[in-house]
Amino acid sequence: MKLPIPTQDPRVYLKLLQLDLAAHPPTAAVKKITIEAFPAPLRFDQGGFFQPSAPKPAEMEITIARLRAIVGEQDESGRLLVGFPIVQDSHEPGSFDVVHSAVSGIENESSHRCEPKLALRVFRPPIKVNVGVSADKPTAVVIHGKRKSVVKASGPMD
């Protein structure tokens, strides 16, 4: 089990262990369970004054473990059924992957910091956008009457 954040609450460990054992029952009798813990500084959260409070990460992890126990972890094709969505770097509308935990999604994003991020994907509902082209490459985009230069373009240019 990989926890989303450091915690000192033994009830979280116990509940996650119970849910994991229920989802993956052992094939033989269990005589002993060993837990290996790595020290990490605790994170303290301060919510916004006018924002609704979000669930605690440990509670969210327990809820997700319960959902995995109900619906299963993967479908027939091997894709995760329950997890955290991350946007794929693709031109396909609505393309995303599901990762096991929010921490792994952050690690994936931080490993590609040097690469430029795709800023314009899909507008819902669709809006009219004019694209200026020079030598079969986009050079400018006009949205709501504002013209912006294209800094970098990639992908299919059909």
C-alpha atoms as a PDB file:
ATOM      1  CA  MET A   1       0.000   0.000   0.000  1.00  0.00           C
ATOM      2  CA  LYS A   2       1.229   3.458  -0.821  1.00  0.00           C
ATOM      3  CA  LEU A   3      -0.371   6.249   1.169  1.00  0.00           C
ATOM      4  CA  PRO A   4      -1.117   9.584  -0.498  1.00  0.00           C
ATOM      5  CA  ILE A   5       0.420  11.628   2.321  1.00  0.00           C
ATOM      6  CA  PRO A   6       2.301  10.964   5.568  1.00  0.00           C
ATOM      7  CA  THR A   7       0.000  10.167   8.480  1.00  0.00           C
ATOM      8  CA  GLN A   8       0.274   9.042  12.091  1.00  0.00           C
ATOM      9  CA  ASP A   9      -3.281   7.719  12.356  1.00  0.00           C
ATOM     10  CA  PRO A  10      -3.170   3.949  13.019  1.00  0.00           C
ATOM     11  CA  ARG A  11      -6.879   3.647  12.126  1.00  0.00           C
ATOM     12  CA  VAL A  12      -6.053   4.647   8.545  1.00  0.00           C
ATOM     13  CA  TYR A  13      -3.400   1.914   8.290  1.00  0.00           C
ATOM     14  CA  LEU A  14      -5.735  -0.680   9.813  1.00  0.00           C
ATOM     15  CA  LYS A  15      -8.697   0.181   7.561  1.00  0.00           C
ATOM     16  CA  LEU A  16      -6.548   0.204   4.399  1.00  0.00           C
ATOM     17  CA  LEU A  17      -5.029  -3.141   5.402  1.00  0.00           C
ATOM     18  CA  GLN A  18      -8.505  -4.630   6.014  1.00  0.00           C
ATOM     19  CA  LEU A  19      -9.770  -3.400   2.641  1.00  0.00           C
ATOM     20  CA  ASP A  20      -6.659  -4.650   0.836  1.00  0.00           C
ATOM     21  CA  LEU A  21      -6.972  -8.081   2.448  1.00  0.00           C
ATOM     22  CA  ALA A  22     -10.669  -8.200   1.519  1.00  0.00           C
ATOM     23  CA  ALA A  23      -9.859  -7.291  -2.096  1.00  0.00           C
ATOM     24  CA  HIS A  24      -6.859  -9.668  -2.298  1.00  0.00           C
ATOM     25  CA  PRO A  25      -7.508 -12.550   0.111  1.00  0.00           C
ATOM     26  CA  PRO A  26      -4.411 -14.588   0.978  1.00  0.00           C
ATOM     27  CA  THR A  27      -4.203 -18.147  -0.360  1.00  0.00           C
ATOM     28  CA  ALA A  28      -3.083 -19.548   3.016  1.00  0.00           C
ATOM     29  CA  ALA A  29      -3.486 -18.708   6.695  1.00  0.00           C
ATOM     30  CA  VAL A  30      -1.903 -15.434   7.824  1.00  0.00           C
ATOM     31  CA  LYS A  31       0.459 -15.827  10.783  1.00  0.00           C
ATOM     32  CA  LYS A  32       2.093 -12.419  10.786  1.00  0.00           C
ATOM     33  CA  ILE A  33       1.888  -9.065   9.032  1.00  0.00           C
ATOM     34  CA  THR A  34       4.935  -6.828   8.742  1.00  0.00           C
ATOM     35  CA  ILE A  35       4.608  -3.109   8.123  1.00  0.00           C
ATOM     36  CA  GLU A  36       7.581  -1.147   6.875  1.00  0.00           C
ATOM     37  CA  ALA A  37       7.285   2.600   7.416  1.00  0.00           C
ATOM     38  CA  PHE A  38       9.497   5.367   6.105  1.00  0.00           C
ATOM     39  CA  PRO A  39       9.701   8.628   8.071  1.00  0.00           C
ATOM     40  CA  ALA A  40       8.436  11.736   6.326  1.00  0.00           C
ATOM     41  CA  PRO A  41       7.552  15.191   7.606  1.00  0.00           C
ATOM     42  CA  LEU A  42       3.863  15.707   8.301  1.00  0.00           C
ATOM     43  CA  ARG A  43       1.946  18.107   6.096  1.00  0.00           C
ATOM     44  CA  PHE A  44      -0.451  20.537   7.685  1.00  0.00           C
ATOM     45  CA  ASP A  45      -3.396  21.808   5.714  1.00  0.00           C
ATOM     46  CA  GLN A  46      -5.007  25.196   5.988  1.00  0.00           C
ATOM     47  CA  GLY A  47      -8.192  25.619   4.018  1.00  0.00           C
ATOM     48  CA  GLY A  48      -9.480  28.826   2.532  1.00  0.00           C
ATOM     49  CA  PHE A  49     -11.863  30.919   4.597  1.00  0.00           C
ATOM     50  CA  PHE A  50     -14.547  31.033   1.897  1.00  0.00           C
ATOM     51  CA  GLN A  51     -13.902  27.593   0.393  1.00  0.00           C
ATOM     52  CA  PRO A  52     -15.738  24.420   1.349  1.00  0.00           C
ATOM     53  CA  SER A  53     -13.561  21.954   3.209  1.00  0.00           C
ATOM     54  CA  ALA A  54     -12.197  19.092   1.129  1.00  0.00           C
ATOM     55  CA  PRO A  55     -11.977  15.538   2.435  1.00  0.00           C
ATOM     56  CA  LYS A  56      -8.781  14.634   4.224  1.00  0.00           C
ATOM     57  CA  PRO A  57      -6.383  12.692   1.962  1.00  0.00           C
ATOM     58  CA  ALA A  58      -6.368   9.687   4.312  1.00  0.00           C
ATOM     59  CA  GLU A  59     -10.180   9.544   4.274  1.00  0.00           C
ATOM     60  CA  MET A  60     -10.144   9.864   0.493  1.00  0.00           C
ATOM     61  CA  GLU A  61      -7.707   6.934   0.227  1.00  0.00           C
ATOM     62  CA  ILE A  62     -10.009   4.772   2.387  1.00  0.00           C
ATOM     63  CA  THR A  63     -13.012   5.694   0.227  1.00  0.00           C
ATOM     64  CA  ILE A  64     -11.119   4.843  -2.955  1.00  0.00           C
ATOM     65  CA  ALA A  65     -10.006   1.517  -1.445  1.00  0.00           C
ATOM     66  CA  ARG A  66     -13.669   0.745  -0.654  1.00  0.00           C
ATOM     67  CA  LEU A  67     -14.668   1.569  -4.235  1.00  0.00           C
ATOM     68  CA  ARG A  68     -11.907  -0.703  -5.565  1.00  0.00           C
ATOM     69  CA  ALA A  69     -13.209  -3.507  -3.328  1.00  0.00           C
ATOM     70  CA  ILE A  70     -16.720  -3.081  -4.783  1.00  0.00           C
ATOM     71  CA  VAL A  71     -16.024  -2.619  -8.514  1.00  0.00           C
ATOM     72  CA  GLY A  72     -12.603  -4.243  -8.802  1.00  0.00           C
ATOM     73  CA  GLU A  73      -9.279  -2.712  -9.739  1.00  0.00           C
ATOM     74  CA  GLN A  74      -9.066  -3.243 -13.516  1.00  0.00           C
ATOM     75  CA  ASP A  75     -11.322  -4.025 -16.452  1.00  0.00           C
ATOM     76  CA  GLU A  76     -10.683  -6.712 -19.085  1.00  0.00           C
ATOM     77  CA  SER A  77      -8.279  -4.474 -21.000  1.00  0.00           C
ATOM     78  CA  GLY A  78      -6.153  -3.768 -17.905  1.00  0.00           C
ATOM     79  CA  ARG A  79      -7.249  -0.138 -17.370  1.00  0.00           C
ATOM     80  CA  LEU A  80      -7.820   0.995 -13.816  1.00  0.00           C
ATOM     81  CA  LEU A  81     -11.487   1.397 -12.907  1.00  0.00           C
ATOM     82  CA  VAL A  82     -10.982   3.552  -9.814  1.00  0.00           C
ATOM     83  CA  GLY A  83      -8.293   6.180  -9.385  1.00  0.00           C
ATOM     84  CA  PHE A  84      -7.321   9.708 -10.243  1.00  0.00           C
ATOM     85  CA  PRO A  85      -7.662  11.029 -13.802  1.00  0.00           C
ATOM     86  CA  ILE A  86      -4.723  12.700 -15.521  1.00  0.00           C
ATOM     87  CA  VAL A  87      -4.935  14.366 -18.921  1.00  0.00           C
ATOM     88  CA  GLN A  88      -2.996  12.695 -21.718  1.00  0.00           C
ATOM     89  CA  ASP A  89      -0.797  14.821 -23.950  1.00  0.00           C
ATOM     90  CA  SER A  90      -2.952  14.039 -26.961  1.00  0.00           C
ATOM     91  CA  HIS A  91      -5.091  15.780 -29.542  1.00  0.00           C
ATOM     92  CA  GLU A  92      -7.989  13.412 -28.898  1.00  0.00           C
ATOM     93  CA  PRO A  93     -10.954  15.149 -27.239  1.00  0.00           C
ATOM     94  CA  GLY A  94     -11.478  13.940 -23.689  1.00  0.00           C
ATOM     95  CA  SER A  95      -8.423  11.650 -23.611  1.00  0.00           C
ATOM     96  CA  PHE A  96      -7.197  10.787 -20.117  1.00  0.00           C
ATOM     97  CA  ASP A  97      -5.592   8.027 -18.080  1.00  0.00           C
ATOM     98  CA  VAL A  98      -6.451   6.822 -14.614  1.00  0.00           C
ATOM     99  CA  VAL A  99      -3.576   6.437 -12.147  1.00  0.00           C
ATOM    100  CA  HIS A 100      -3.607   4.527  -8.872  1.00  0.00           C
ATOM    101  CA  SER A 101      -3.041   7.538  -6.617  1.00  0.00           C
ATOM    102  CA  ALA A 102      -2.888  11.294  -6.889  1.00  0.00           C
ATOM    103  CA  VAL A 103       0.775  11.136  -5.883  1.00  0.00           C
ATOM    104  CA  SER A 104       1.669   9.018  -8.939  1.00  0.00           C
ATOM    105  CA  GLY A 105      -0.172  11.494 -11.175  1.00  0.00           C
ATOM    106  CA  ILE A 106       1.879  14.342  -9.718  1.00  0.00           C
ATOM    107  CA  GLU A 107       5.114  12.381 -10.183  1.00  0.00           C
ATOM    108  CA  ASN A 108       4.248  11.748 -13.840  1.00  0.00           C
ATOM    109  CA  GLU A 109       3.542  15.431 -14.416  1.00  0.00           C
ATOM    110  CA  SER A 110       6.691  16.637 -12.637  1.00  0.00           C
ATOM    111  CA  SER A 111       8.967  14.312 -14.619  1.00  0.00           C
ATOM    112  CA  HIS A 112       8.094  16.189 -17.857  1.00  0.00           C
ATOM    113  CA  ARG A 113       8.499  19.770 -16.632  1.00  0.00           C
ATOM    114  CA  CYS A 114      10.962  20.671 -19.386  1.00  0.00           C
ATOM    115  CA  GLU A 115       8.464  19.863 -22.123  1.00  0.00           C
ATOM    116  CA  PRO A 116       5.943  22.544 -23.082  1.00  0.00           C
ATOM    117  CA  LYS A 117       2.387  21.844 -21.983  1.00  0.00           C
ATOM    118  CA  LEU A 118      -0.479  21.847 -24.422  1.00  0.00           C
ATOM    119  CA  ALA A 119      -2.531  24.902 -23.520  1.00  0.00           C
ATOM    120  CA  LEU A 120      -5.382  24.614 -26.030  1.00  0.00           C
ATOM    121  CA  ARG A 121      -7.213  21.293 -26.160  1.00  0.00           C
ATOM    122  CA  VAL A 122     -10.994  21.405 -26.372  1.00  0.00           C
ATOM    123  CA  PHE A 123     -13.580  24.077 -25.717  1.00  0.00           C
ATOM    124  CA  ARG A 124     -16.902  22.877 -24.365  1.00  0.00           C
ATOM    125  CA  PRO A 125     -19.198  24.125 -25.799  1.00  0.00           C
ATOM    126  CA  PRO A 126     -17.235  24.674 -29.014  1.00  0.00           C
ATOM    127  CA  ILE A 127     -16.310  28.260 -29.880  1.00  0.00           C
ATOM    128  CA  LYS A 128     -15.136  29.793 -33.121  1.00  0.00           C
ATOM    129  CA  VAL A 129     -11.330  29.937 -33.367  1.00  0.00           C
ATOM    130  CA  ASN A 130      -9.359  31.213 -36.352  1.00  0.00           C
ATOM    131  CA  VAL A 131      -5.868  29.814 -36.898  1.00  0.00           C
ATOM    132  CA  GLY A 132      -3.279  31.638 -39.002  1.00  0.00           C
ATOM    133  CA  VAL A 133      -1.111  29.259 -41.031  1.00  0.00           C
ATOM    134  CA  SER A 134       2.230  29.861 -42.732  1.00  0.00           C
ATOM    135  CA  ALA A 135       4.203  27.118 -44.536  1.00  0.00           C
ATOM    136  CA  ASP A 136       1.649  24.520 -43.340  1.00  0.00           C
ATOM    137  CA  LYS A 137       2.319  25.383 -39.673  1.00  0.00           C
ATOM    138  CA  PRO A 138       0.069  27.353 -37.289  1.00  0.00           C
ATOM    139  CA  THR A 139       1.476  30.798 -36.511  1.00  0.00           C
ATOM    140  CA  ALA A 140      -1.353  32.602 -34.702  1.00  0.00           C
ATOM    141  CA  VAL A 141      -4.687  31.910 -33.019  1.00  0.00           C
ATOM    142  CA  VAL A 142      -7.584  34.385 -32.862  1.00  0.00           C
ATOM    143  CA  ILE A 143     -10.111  33.739 -30.056  1.00  0.00           C
ATOM    144  CA  HIS A 144     -12.852  36.244 -29.139  1.00  0.00           C
ATOM    145  CA  GLY A 145     -11.118  38.863 -31.300  1.00  0.00           C
ATOM    146  CA  LYS A 146      -7.769  38.538 -29.507  1.00  0.00           C
ATOM    147  CA  ARG A 147      -4.779  37.427 -31.591  1.00  0.00           C
ATOM    148  CA  LYS A 148      -2.076  35.320 -29.916  1.00  0.00           C
ATOM    149  CA  SER A 149       1.115  33.950 -31.467  1.00  0.00           C
ATOM    150  CA  VAL A 150       1.790  30.221 -31.541  1.00  0.00           C
ATOM    151  CA  VAL A 151       5.015  29.613 -29.631  1.00  0.00           C
ATOM    152  CA  LYS A 152       5.300  25.879 -30.309  1.00  0.00           C
ATOM    153  CA  ALA A 153       3.130  23.420 -32.186  1.00  0.00           C
ATOM    154  CA  SER A 154       3.266  19.637 -32.282  1.00  0.00           C
ATOM    155  CA  GLY A 155       1.156  16.771 -33.462  1.00  0.00           C
ATOM    156  CA  PRO A 156      -0.538  16.038 -36.762  1.00  0.00           C
ATOM    157  CA  MET A 157      -0.633  18.965 -39.207  1.00  0.00           C
ATOM    158  CA  ASP A 158      -3.235  17.577 -41.656  1.00  0.00           C
END
